Amino acid sequence: MLGNLIGGFIVILIGVTLAPTVADAIELGQLNESGGTDGAINITGSNATILSLTTLFYCLAVASSGIGLAVTGLRRGGLM
């Protein structure tokens, strides 16, 4: 029980710590990587929208996996 709770908190802590890095990498993926200085965007339209939502999906996945581990630990301990 305690191991699952600690594991859930560790997953959330590491995931939240890496969230800015993931967001920066996604932003760089949207920008022009060909070395141009005009700041043109390679990805437009619905592709850009879906790519920009990747950060949200990452954060939701981290939160749900951490909460899932914590709930499993609480179920094994008989508290849920």
C-alpha atoms as a PDB file:
ATOM      1  CA  MET A   1       0.000   0.000   0.000  1.00  0.00           C
ATOM      2  CA  LEU A   2       2.631   2.512   1.047  1.00  0.00           C
ATOM      3  CA  GLY A   3       4.823   1.570  -1.904  1.00  0.00           C
ATOM      4  CA  ASN A   4       2.049   2.363  -4.365  1.00  0.00           C
ATOM      5  CA  LEU A   5       1.324   5.697  -2.693  1.00  0.00           C
ATOM      6  CA  ILE A   6       4.979   6.690  -2.762  1.00  0.00           C
ATOM      7  CA  GLY A   7       5.252   5.465  -6.353  1.00  0.00           C
ATOM      8  CA  GLY A   8       2.272   7.588  -7.366  1.00  0.00           C
ATOM      9  CA  PHE A   9       3.782  10.692  -5.808  1.00  0.00           C
ATOM     10  CA  ILE A  10       7.140  10.008  -7.463  1.00  0.00           C
ATOM     11  CA  VAL A  11       5.478   9.614 -10.872  1.00  0.00           C
ATOM     12  CA  ILE A  12       3.655  12.915 -10.427  1.00  0.00           C
ATOM     13  CA  LEU A  13       6.783  14.679  -9.150  1.00  0.00           C
ATOM     14  CA  ILE A  14       8.985  13.526 -12.042  1.00  0.00           C
ATOM     15  CA  GLY A  15       6.240  14.146 -14.608  1.00  0.00           C
ATOM     16  CA  VAL A  16       5.601  17.684 -13.409  1.00  0.00           C
ATOM     17  CA  THR A  17       9.327  18.371 -13.348  1.00  0.00           C
ATOM     18  CA  LEU A  18       9.667  17.247 -16.973  1.00  0.00           C
ATOM     19  CA  ALA A  19       6.556  19.083 -18.217  1.00  0.00           C
ATOM     20  CA  PRO A  20       8.395  22.339 -19.135  1.00  0.00           C
ATOM     21  CA  THR A  21      10.987  20.341 -21.072  1.00  0.00           C
ATOM     22  CA  VAL A  22       8.254  18.568 -23.005  1.00  0.00           C
ATOM     23  CA  ALA A  23       6.521  21.886 -23.713  1.00  0.00           C
ATOM     24  CA  ASP A  24       9.781  23.444 -24.957  1.00  0.00           C
ATOM     25  CA  ALA A  25      10.460  20.472 -27.227  1.00  0.00           C
ATOM     26  CA  ILE A  26       6.974  20.677 -28.708  1.00  0.00           C
ATOM     27  CA  GLU A  27       7.345  24.403 -29.299  1.00  0.00           C
ATOM     28  CA  LEU A  28      10.666  23.823 -31.061  1.00  0.00           C
ATOM     29  CA  GLY A  29       8.970  21.181 -33.167  1.00  0.00           C
ATOM     30  CA  GLN A  30       6.460  23.734 -34.382  1.00  0.00           C
ATOM     31  CA  LEU A  31       9.063  26.346 -35.289  1.00  0.00           C
ATOM     32  CA  ASN A  32      11.189  26.469 -38.402  1.00  0.00           C
ATOM     33  CA  GLU A  33      14.133  24.107 -37.909  1.00  0.00           C
ATOM     34  CA  SER A  34      15.766  24.847 -41.270  1.00  0.00           C
ATOM     35  CA  GLY A  35      17.968  27.585 -39.832  1.00  0.00           C
ATOM     36  CA  GLY A  36      15.926  30.492 -41.129  1.00  0.00           C
ATOM     37  CA  THR A  37      15.622  33.600 -39.010  1.00  0.00           C
ATOM     38  CA  ASP A  38      12.184  34.703 -40.169  1.00  0.00           C
ATOM     39  CA  GLY A  39      10.414  32.554 -37.555  1.00  0.00           C
ATOM     40  CA  ALA A  40       8.174  30.859 -40.112  1.00  0.00           C
ATOM     41  CA  ILE A  41       6.144  27.946 -38.836  1.00  0.00           C
ATOM     42  CA  ASN A  42       6.399  24.611 -40.623  1.00  0.00           C
ATOM     43  CA  ILE A  43       3.240  23.140 -39.139  1.00  0.00           C
ATOM     44  CA  THR A  44      -0.071  24.928 -39.603  1.00  0.00           C
ATOM     45  CA  GLY A  45      -3.773  24.260 -39.311  1.00  0.00           C
ATOM     46  CA  SER A  46      -5.121  21.247 -37.510  1.00  0.00           C
ATOM     47  CA  ASN A  47      -1.675  19.660 -37.302  1.00  0.00           C
ATOM     48  CA  ALA A  48      -0.416  22.596 -35.255  1.00  0.00           C
ATOM     49  CA  THR A  49      -3.442  22.398 -32.978  1.00  0.00           C
ATOM     50  CA  ILE A  50      -2.980  18.700 -32.296  1.00  0.00           C
ATOM     51  CA  LEU A  51       0.759  19.123 -31.741  1.00  0.00           C
ATOM     52  CA  SER A  52       0.199  21.962 -29.304  1.00  0.00           C
ATOM     53  CA  LEU A  53      -2.280  19.807 -27.354  1.00  0.00           C
ATOM     54  CA  THR A  54       0.424  17.190 -26.804  1.00  0.00           C
ATOM     55  CA  THR A  55       1.578  19.016 -23.666  1.00  0.00           C
ATOM     56  CA  LEU A  56      -1.931  18.823 -22.233  1.00  0.00           C
ATOM     57  CA  PHE A  57      -2.153  15.114 -23.029  1.00  0.00           C
ATOM     58  CA  TYR A  58       1.248  14.541 -21.391  1.00  0.00           C
ATOM     59  CA  CYS A  59       0.161  16.303 -18.199  1.00  0.00           C
ATOM     60  CA  LEU A  60      -3.132  14.393 -18.121  1.00  0.00           C
ATOM     61  CA  ALA A  61      -1.294  11.087 -18.583  1.00  0.00           C
ATOM     62  CA  VAL A  62       1.118  11.872 -15.748  1.00  0.00           C
ATOM     63  CA  ALA A  63      -1.700  12.876 -13.416  1.00  0.00           C
ATOM     64  CA  SER A  64      -3.878   9.877 -14.246  1.00  0.00           C
ATOM     65  CA  SER A  65      -1.034   7.379 -13.851  1.00  0.00           C
ATOM     66  CA  GLY A  66      -0.027   8.855 -10.495  1.00  0.00           C
ATOM     67  CA  ILE A  67      -3.603   8.895  -9.249  1.00  0.00           C
ATOM     68  CA  GLY A  68      -4.092   5.360 -10.546  1.00  0.00           C
ATOM     69  CA  LEU A  69      -1.097   4.106  -8.579  1.00  0.00           C
ATOM     70  CA  ALA A  70      -2.319   5.856  -5.436  1.00  0.00           C
ATOM     71  CA  VAL A  71      -5.841   4.439  -5.796  1.00  0.00           C
ATOM     72  CA  THR A  72      -4.428   0.934  -6.283  1.00  0.00           C
ATOM     73  CA  GLY A  73      -2.448   1.310  -3.080  1.00  0.00           C
ATOM     74  CA  LEU A  74      -5.490   2.541  -1.195  1.00  0.00           C
ATOM     75  CA  ARG A  75      -7.610  -0.369  -2.496  1.00  0.00           C
ATOM     76  CA  ARG A  76      -4.997  -2.878  -1.354  1.00  0.00           C
ATOM     77  CA  GLY A  77      -4.973  -1.231   2.054  1.00  0.00           C
ATOM     78  CA  GLY A  78      -8.759  -1.478   2.334  1.00  0.00           C
ATOM     79  CA  LEU A  79      -9.331   2.277   2.434  1.00  0.00           C
ATOM     80  CA  MET A  80     -11.303   2.450  -0.810  1.00  0.00           C
END
